PDB file of N, CA and C in Angstrom:
ATOM      1  N   MET A   1       0.720  39.157   8.290  1.00  0.00           N
ATOM      2  CA  MET A   1       0.972  38.212   8.064  1.00  0.00           C
ATOM      3  C   MET A   1       0.053  36.803   7.621  1.00  0.00           C
ATOM      4  N   SER A   2       0.483  36.298   6.799  1.00  0.00           N
ATOM      5  CA  SER A   2      -0.678  35.798   5.869  1.00  0.00           C
ATOM      6  C   SER A   2      -1.059  34.616   6.573  1.00  0.00           C
ATOM      7  N   GLY A   3      -0.355  34.356   7.589  1.00  0.00           N
ATOM      8  CA  GLY A   3      -1.166  33.300   8.577  1.00  0.00           C
ATOM      9  C   GLY A   3      -0.745  31.519   8.142  1.00  0.00           C
ATOM     10  N   GLN A   4       0.469  31.606   7.231  1.00  0.00           N
ATOM     11  CA  GLN A   4       1.223  30.128   7.208  1.00  0.00           C
ATOM     12  C   GLN A   4       2.550  30.209   8.178  1.00  0.00           C
ATOM     13  N   LEU A   5       2.975  29.027   8.065  1.00  0.00           N
ATOM     14  CA  LEU A   5       3.882  29.229   9.576  1.00  0.00           C
ATOM     15  C   LEU A   5       4.902  28.717   8.421  1.00  0.00           C
ATOM     16  N   SER A   6       6.123  28.784   9.249  1.00  0.00           N
ATOM     17  CA  SER A   6       7.638  29.245   8.464  1.00  0.00           C
ATOM     18  C   SER A   6       8.400  27.491   8.874  1.00  0.00           C
ATOM     19  N   ALA A   7       9.232  27.204   7.917  1.00  0.00           N
ATOM     20  CA  ALA A   7       9.528  26.167   8.445  1.00  0.00           C
ATOM     21  C   ALA A   7       9.885  24.920   9.603  1.00  0.00           C
ATOM     22  N   GLU A   8      10.590  26.450  10.455  1.00  0.00           N
ATOM     23  CA  GLU A   8      11.181  26.545  11.406  1.00  0.00           C
ATOM     24  C   GLU A   8       9.887  25.911  12.617  1.00  0.00           C
ATOM     25  N   GLN A   9       8.758  26.814  12.589  1.00  0.00           N
ATOM     26  CA  GLN A   9       7.085  26.344  13.308  1.00  0.00           C
ATOM     27  C   GLN A   9       6.789  25.104  12.789  1.00  0.00           C
ATOM     28  N   LEU A  10       7.030  24.938  11.346  1.00  0.00           N
ATOM     29  CA  LEU A  10       6.012  23.578  11.167  1.00  0.00           C
ATOM     30  C   LEU A  10       7.316  22.479  11.884  1.00  0.00           C
ATOM     31  N   ARG A  11       8.316  22.797  11.850  1.00  0.00           N
ATOM     32  CA  ARG A  11       8.987  21.746  12.545  1.00  0.00           C
ATOM     33  C   ARG A  11       8.669  21.485  14.166  1.00  0.00           C
ATOM     34  N   ALA A  12       8.786  23.066  15.091  1.00  0.00           N
ATOM     35  CA  ALA A  12       8.338  22.865  16.280  1.00  0.00           C
ATOM     36  C   ALA A  12       7.348  22.155  16.830  1.00  0.00           C
ATOM     37  N   ARG A  13       6.531  22.252  15.702  1.00  0.00           N
ATOM     38  CA  ARG A  13       4.956  21.835  15.914  1.00  0.00           C
ATOM     39  C   ARG A  13       4.560  20.326  16.075  1.00  0.00           C
ATOM     40  N   PHE A  14       6.042  19.664  14.868  1.00  0.00           N
ATOM     41  CA  PHE A  14       5.838  18.216  14.645  1.00  0.00           C
ATOM     42  C   PHE A  14       6.146  17.745  15.665  1.00  0.00           C
ATOM     43  N   GLU A  15       7.531  18.412  16.041  1.00  0.00           N
ATOM     44  CA  GLU A  15       8.219  17.770  16.696  1.00  0.00           C
ATOM     45  C   GLU A  15       7.562  17.726  18.897  1.00  0.00           C
ATOM     46  N   GLN A  16       6.772  19.146  18.501  1.00  0.00           N
ATOM     47  CA  GLN A  16       6.008  18.739  19.718  1.00  0.00           C
ATOM     48  C   GLN A  16       4.583  18.525  19.894  1.00  0.00           C
ATOM     49  N   ARG A  17       4.370  18.008  18.765  1.00  0.00           N
ATOM     50  CA  ARG A  17       2.238  17.928  18.934  1.00  0.00           C
ATOM     51  C   ARG A  17       1.974  16.134  17.824  1.00  0.00           C
ATOM     52  N   VAL A  18       3.198  16.346  16.960  1.00  0.00           N
ATOM     53  CA  VAL A  18       2.543  15.110  15.801  1.00  0.00           C
ATOM     54  C   VAL A  18       3.659  13.589  16.915  1.00  0.00           C
ATOM     55  N   ILE A  19       4.944  13.492  16.898  1.00  0.00           N
ATOM     56  CA  ILE A  19       5.654  13.032  17.560  1.00  0.00           C
ATOM     57  C   ILE A  19       5.538  12.585  18.770  1.00  0.00           C
ATOM     58  N   PRO A  20       5.355  13.117  19.957  1.00  0.00           N
ATOM     59  CA  PRO A  20       4.579  12.507  21.328  1.00  0.00           C
ATOM     60  C   PRO A  20       3.236  12.091  20.807  1.00  0.00           C
ATOM     61  N   TYR A  21       2.194  12.710  20.133  1.00  0.00           N
ATOM     62  CA  TYR A  21       0.659  11.630  19.346  1.00  0.00           C
ATOM     63  C   TYR A  21       1.306  10.492  18.980  1.00  0.00           C
ATOM     64  N   LEU A  22       2.212   9.968  17.921  1.00  0.00           N
ATOM     65  CA  LEU A  22       3.048   8.718  17.356  1.00  0.00           C
ATOM     66  C   LEU A  22       3.138   8.443  18.281  1.00  0.00           C
ATOM     67  N   GLU A  23       4.166   8.611  19.378  1.00  0.00           N
ATOM     68  CA  GLU A  23       4.892   7.369  20.332  1.00  0.00           C
ATOM     69  C   GLU A  23       3.986   6.869  20.854  1.00  0.00           C
ATOM     70  N   ASP A  24       2.783   7.757  21.368  1.00  0.00           N
ATOM     71  CA  ASP A  24       1.360   7.362  22.619  1.00  0.00           C
ATOM     72  C   ASP A  24       0.592   6.265  21.913  1.00  0.00           C
ATOM     73  N   LEU A  25       0.850   6.745  20.611  1.00  0.00           N
ATOM     74  CA  LEU A  25      -0.236   5.229  20.241  1.00  0.00           C
ATOM     75  C   LEU A  25       0.844   4.522  19.747  1.00  0.00           C
ATOM     76  N   ARG A  26       2.288   4.526  19.597  1.00  0.00           N
ATOM     77  CA  ARG A  26       2.871   3.288  19.291  1.00  0.00           C
ATOM     78  C   ARG A  26       3.088   2.633  20.406  1.00  0.00           C
ATOM     79  N   ALA A  27       2.770   3.184  21.963  1.00  0.00           N
ATOM     80  CA  ALA A  27       2.825   2.689  22.886  1.00  0.00           C
ATOM     81  C   ALA A  27       2.048   1.103  23.396  1.00  0.00           C
ATOM     82  N   GLN A  28       0.702   2.053  23.037  1.00  0.00           N
ATOM     83  CA  GLN A  28      -0.993   1.996  23.293  1.00  0.00           C
ATOM     84  C   GLN A  28      -0.711   0.463  22.348  1.00  0.00           C
ATOM     85  N   THR A  29      -0.148   0.128  21.417  1.00  0.00           N
ATOM     86  CA  THR A  29      -0.238  -0.546  19.717  1.00  0.00           C
ATOM     87  C   THR A  29       1.002  -1.662  21.386  1.00  0.00           C
ATOM     88  N   ARG A  30       1.777  -1.160  21.105  1.00  0.00           N
ATOM     89  CA  ARG A  30       2.905  -2.490  21.841  1.00  0.00           C
ATOM     90  C   ARG A  30       2.126  -3.193  23.300  1.00  0.00           C
ATOM     91  N   ASN A  31       1.391  -2.390  23.868  1.00  0.00           N
ATOM     92  CA  ASN A  31       0.798  -3.069  24.247  1.00  0.00           C
ATOM     93  C   ASN A  31      -0.252  -3.819  24.760  1.00  0.00           C
ATOM     94  N   SER A  32      -0.764  -3.730  23.763  1.00  0.00           N
ATOM     95  CA  SER A  32      -2.043  -4.436  22.970  1.00  0.00           C
ATOM     96  C   SER A  32      -1.844  -6.068  21.903  1.00  0.00           C
ATOM     97  N   ALA A  33      -3.080  -6.559  21.821  1.00  0.00           N
ATOM     98  CA  ALA A  33      -3.063  -6.947  21.200  1.00  0.00           C
ATOM     99  C   ALA A  33      -3.230  -6.731  19.402  1.00  0.00           C
ATOM    100  N   ALA A  34      -2.465  -5.969  18.684  1.00  0.00           N
ATOM    101  CA  ALA A  34      -3.346  -5.393  17.520  1.00  0.00           C
ATOM    102  C   ALA A  34      -2.263  -5.644  16.645  1.00  0.00           C
ATOM    103  N   GLY A  35      -1.400  -5.751  16.893  1.00  0.00           N
ATOM    104  CA  GLY A  35      -0.404  -6.655  15.413  1.00  0.00           C
ATOM    105  C   GLY A  35       0.512  -5.092  15.928  1.00  0.00           C
ATOM    106  N   PRO A  36       1.921  -5.718  14.859  1.00  0.00           N
ATOM    107  CA  PRO A  36       2.440  -4.373  14.305  1.00  0.00           C
ATOM    108  C   PRO A  36       1.479  -3.456  13.779  1.00  0.00           C
ATOM    109  N   PRO A  37       2.431  -1.910  13.276  1.00  0.00           N
ATOM    110  CA  PRO A  37       1.196  -0.957  12.179  1.00  0.00           C
ATOM    111  C   PRO A  37       1.317  -1.535  10.387  1.00  0.00           C
ATOM    112  N   VAL A  38       0.033  -1.179  10.458  1.00  0.00           N
ATOM    113  CA  VAL A  38      -0.271  -1.156   8.909  1.00  0.00           C
ATOM    114  C   VAL A  38       0.125   0.311   8.556  1.00  0.00           C
ATOM    115  N   PHE A  39       0.200   0.109   7.308  1.00  0.00           N
ATOM    116  CA  PHE A  39      -0.094   1.618   6.261  1.00  0.00           C
ATOM    117  C   PHE A  39      -1.224   1.110   5.063  1.00  0.00           C
ATOM    118  N   ILE A  40      -2.513   1.735   4.900  1.00  0.00           N
ATOM    119  CA  ILE A  40      -3.500   1.302   4.746  1.00  0.00           C
ATOM    120  C   ILE A  40      -3.717   2.732   3.367  1.00  0.00           C
ATOM    121  N   PHE A  41      -3.512   2.784   2.013  1.00  0.00           N
ATOM    122  CA  PHE A  41      -3.600   3.549   1.245  1.00  0.00           C
ATOM    123  C   PHE A  41      -5.075   3.400   0.331  1.00  0.00           C
ATOM    124  N   THR A  42      -5.725   4.547   0.422  1.00  0.00           N
ATOM    125  CA  THR A  42      -7.050   4.154  -0.326  1.00  0.00           C
ATOM    126  C   THR A  42      -7.305   5.404  -1.478  1.00  0.00           C
ATOM    127  N   GLY A  43      -6.890   4.481  -2.387  1.00  0.00           N
ATOM    128  CA  GLY A  43      -6.964   5.576  -4.267  1.00  0.00           C
ATOM    129  C   GLY A  43      -8.592   4.919  -5.221  1.00  0.00           C
ATOM    130  N   GLY A  44      -8.421   5.932  -6.086  1.00  0.00           N
ATOM    131  CA  GLY A  44      -9.901   5.163  -6.740  1.00  0.00           C
ATOM    132  C   GLY A  44     -10.415   6.596  -7.684  1.00  0.00           C
ATOM    133  N   GLN A  45     -11.320   6.280  -8.183  1.00  0.00           N
ATOM    134  CA  GLN A  45     -11.690   7.420  -8.987  1.00  0.00           C
ATOM    135  C   GLN A  45     -12.807   8.246  -8.576  1.00  0.00           C
ATOM    136  N   PRO A  46     -13.726   9.266  -8.883  1.00  0.00           N
ATOM    137  CA  PRO A  46     -14.250   9.369  -7.739  1.00  0.00           C
ATOM    138  C   PRO A  46     -16.026   9.225  -7.782  1.00  0.00           C
ATOM    139  N   GLY A  47     -15.876   8.634  -6.721  1.00  0.00           N
ATOM    140  CA  GLY A  47     -17.225   7.446  -6.463  1.00  0.00           C
ATOM    141  C   GLY A  47     -17.213   6.301  -6.240  1.00  0.00           C
ATOM    142  N   ALA A  48     -16.081   5.721  -6.243  1.00  0.00           N
ATOM    143  CA  ALA A  48     -15.647   4.686  -5.940  1.00  0.00           C
ATOM    144  C   ALA A  48     -15.778   4.110  -5.118  1.00  0.00           C
ATOM    145  N   ALA A  49     -15.557   4.985  -3.779  1.00  0.00           N
ATOM    146  CA  ALA A  49     -16.590   4.104  -2.582  1.00  0.00           C
ATOM    147  C   ALA A  49     -15.004   3.957  -1.499  1.00  0.00           C
ATOM    148  N   LYS A  50     -14.639   5.097  -1.915  1.00  0.00           N
ATOM    149  CA  LYS A  50     -12.830   5.241  -0.842  1.00  0.00           C
ATOM    150  C   LYS A  50     -13.637   5.197   0.105  1.00  0.00           C
ATOM    151  N   SER A  51     -14.415   6.698   0.947  1.00  0.00           N
ATOM    152  CA  SER A  51     -14.870   7.067   1.673  1.00  0.00           C
ATOM    153  C   SER A  51     -15.259   5.821   2.951  1.00  0.00           C
ATOM    154  N   HIS A  52     -16.457   5.143   1.991  1.00  0.00           N
ATOM    155  CA  HIS A  52     -16.491   3.622   2.250  1.00  0.00           C
ATOM    156  C   HIS A  52     -15.593   2.583   3.267  1.00  0.00           C
ATOM    157  N   ALA A  53     -14.526   2.808   2.350  1.00  0.00           N
ATOM    158  CA  ALA A  53     -13.524   1.791   2.322  1.00  0.00           C
ATOM    159  C   ALA A  53     -13.189   2.559   3.728  1.00  0.00           C
ATOM    160  N   ASN A  54     -12.940   3.465   3.805  1.00  0.00           N
ATOM    161  CA  ASN A  54     -11.622   4.371   5.284  1.00  0.00           C
ATOM    162  C   ASN A  54     -12.951   3.945   5.765  1.00  0.00           C
ATOM    163  N   GLU A  55     -14.328   3.582   6.366  1.00  0.00           N
ATOM    164  CA  GLU A  55     -14.931   3.874   6.845  1.00  0.00           C
ATOM    165  C   GLU A  55     -14.752   2.356   7.921  1.00  0.00           C
ATOM    166  N   ARG A  56     -14.386   1.609   6.538  1.00  0.00           N
ATOM    167  CA  ARG A  56     -14.569  -0.069   7.259  1.00  0.00           C
ATOM    168  C   ARG A  56     -13.028  -0.338   8.148  1.00  0.00           C
ATOM    169  N   ALA A  57     -12.283   0.465   7.323  1.00  0.00           N
ATOM    170  CA  ALA A  57     -10.972   0.073   7.725  1.00  0.00           C
ATOM    171  C   ALA A  57     -10.747   0.400   9.082  1.00  0.00           C
ATOM    172  N   ALA A  58     -11.317   1.876   9.249  1.00  0.00           N
ATOM    173  CA  ALA A  58     -11.003   2.424  10.827  1.00  0.00           C
ATOM    174  C   ALA A  58     -12.149   1.173  11.896  1.00  0.00           C
ATOM    175  N   TRP A  59     -13.328   0.798  11.492  1.00  0.00           N
ATOM    176  CA  TRP A  59     -13.830   0.001  12.049  1.00  0.00           C
ATOM    177  C   TRP A  59     -13.426  -1.269  12.308  1.00  0.00           C
ATOM    178  N   ALA A  60     -12.439  -1.843  11.560  1.00  0.00           N
ATOM    179  CA  ALA A  60     -12.004  -3.283  12.028  1.00  0.00           C
ATOM    180  C   ALA A  60     -10.188  -2.994  12.882  1.00  0.00           C
ATOM    181  N   ARG A  61      -9.881  -1.034  12.430  1.00  0.00           N
ATOM    182  CA  ARG A  61      -8.952  -0.629  13.209  1.00  0.00           C
ATOM    183  C   ARG A  61      -8.748   0.036  14.432  1.00  0.00           C
ATOM    184  N   PRO A  62      -9.512  -0.406  15.140  1.00  0.00           N
ATOM    185  CA  PRO A  62      -8.998   1.092  15.941  1.00  0.00           C
ATOM    186  C   PRO A  62      -8.622   1.994  16.591  1.00  0.00           C
ATOM    187  N   THR A  63      -6.916   1.135  15.959  1.00  0.00           N
ATOM    188  CA  THR A  63      -6.229   2.763  16.406  1.00  0.00           C
ATOM    189  C   THR A  63      -5.722   2.578  15.328  1.00  0.00           C
ATOM    190  N   LEU A  64      -6.529   2.881  14.357  1.00  0.00           N
ATOM    191  CA  LEU A  64      -6.221   3.417  12.714  1.00  0.00           C
ATOM    192  C   LEU A  64      -5.713   5.276  12.524  1.00  0.00           C
ATOM    193  N   VAL A  65      -4.831   5.616  12.496  1.00  0.00           N
ATOM    194  CA  VAL A  65      -4.392   7.219  12.386  1.00  0.00           C
ATOM    195  C   VAL A  65      -5.242   8.118  10.947  1.00  0.00           C
ATOM    196  N   PRO A  66      -6.354   8.523  11.030  1.00  0.00           N
ATOM    197  CA  PRO A  66      -6.315   8.665   9.212  1.00  0.00           C
ATOM    198  C   PRO A  66      -5.749   9.839   8.865  1.00  0.00           C
ATOM    199  N   VAL A  67      -5.312   9.757   7.545  1.00  0.00           N
ATOM    200  CA  VAL A  67      -4.633  11.164   6.970  1.00  0.00           C
ATOM    201  C   VAL A  67      -4.811  11.237   6.337  1.00  0.00           C
ATOM    202  N   LYS A  68      -5.437  12.888   5.936  1.00  0.00           N
ATOM    203  CA  LYS A  68      -6.214  12.918   4.507  1.00  0.00           C
ATOM    204  C   LYS A  68      -5.214  14.264   3.611  1.00  0.00           C
ATOM    205  N   LEU A  69      -4.733  13.830   2.451  1.00  0.00           N
ATOM    206  CA  LEU A  69      -3.961  14.570   2.039  1.00  0.00           C
ATOM    207  C   LEU A  69      -4.771  16.316   1.113  1.00  0.00           C
ATOM    208  N   GLY A  70      -4.067  16.596   0.986  1.00  0.00           N
ATOM    209  CA  GLY A  70      -4.292  18.918   0.872  1.00  0.00           C
ATOM    210  C   GLY A  70      -5.272  18.440  -0.556  1.00  0.00           C
ATOM    211  N   TRP A  71      -5.706  17.249  -1.460  1.00  0.00           N
ATOM    212  CA  TRP A  71      -6.012  17.621  -2.371  1.00  0.00           C
ATOM    213  C   TRP A  71      -7.306  17.160  -2.611  1.00  0.00           C
ATOM    214  N   GLU A  72      -7.663  15.846  -1.674  1.00  0.00           N
ATOM    215  CA  GLU A  72      -8.838  15.398  -1.393  1.00  0.00           C
ATOM    216  C   GLU A  72      -9.921  16.587  -1.098  1.00  0.00           C
ATOM    217  N   SER A  73     -10.881  16.532  -1.108  1.00  0.00           N
ATOM    218  CA  SER A  73     -12.207  16.800  -1.411  1.00  0.00           C
ATOM    219  C   SER A  73     -13.508  16.680   0.169  1.00  0.00           C
TER     220      SER A  73
END
């Protein structure tokens, strides 16, 4: 076995784990004064302080859900 999941397995995990997690976050946001959802995309050259910007965004918005892309180091 290669350790990779099939498309069906990925879909099932997404529906069983990710969707309920996001729905719970959405419910928490509705019940707070956090406001509507916000998408923050941080990009830049190496050494441009992206990590620092992400830390500040997470501090300013405690309900922030970080998503790292595969090509980041």
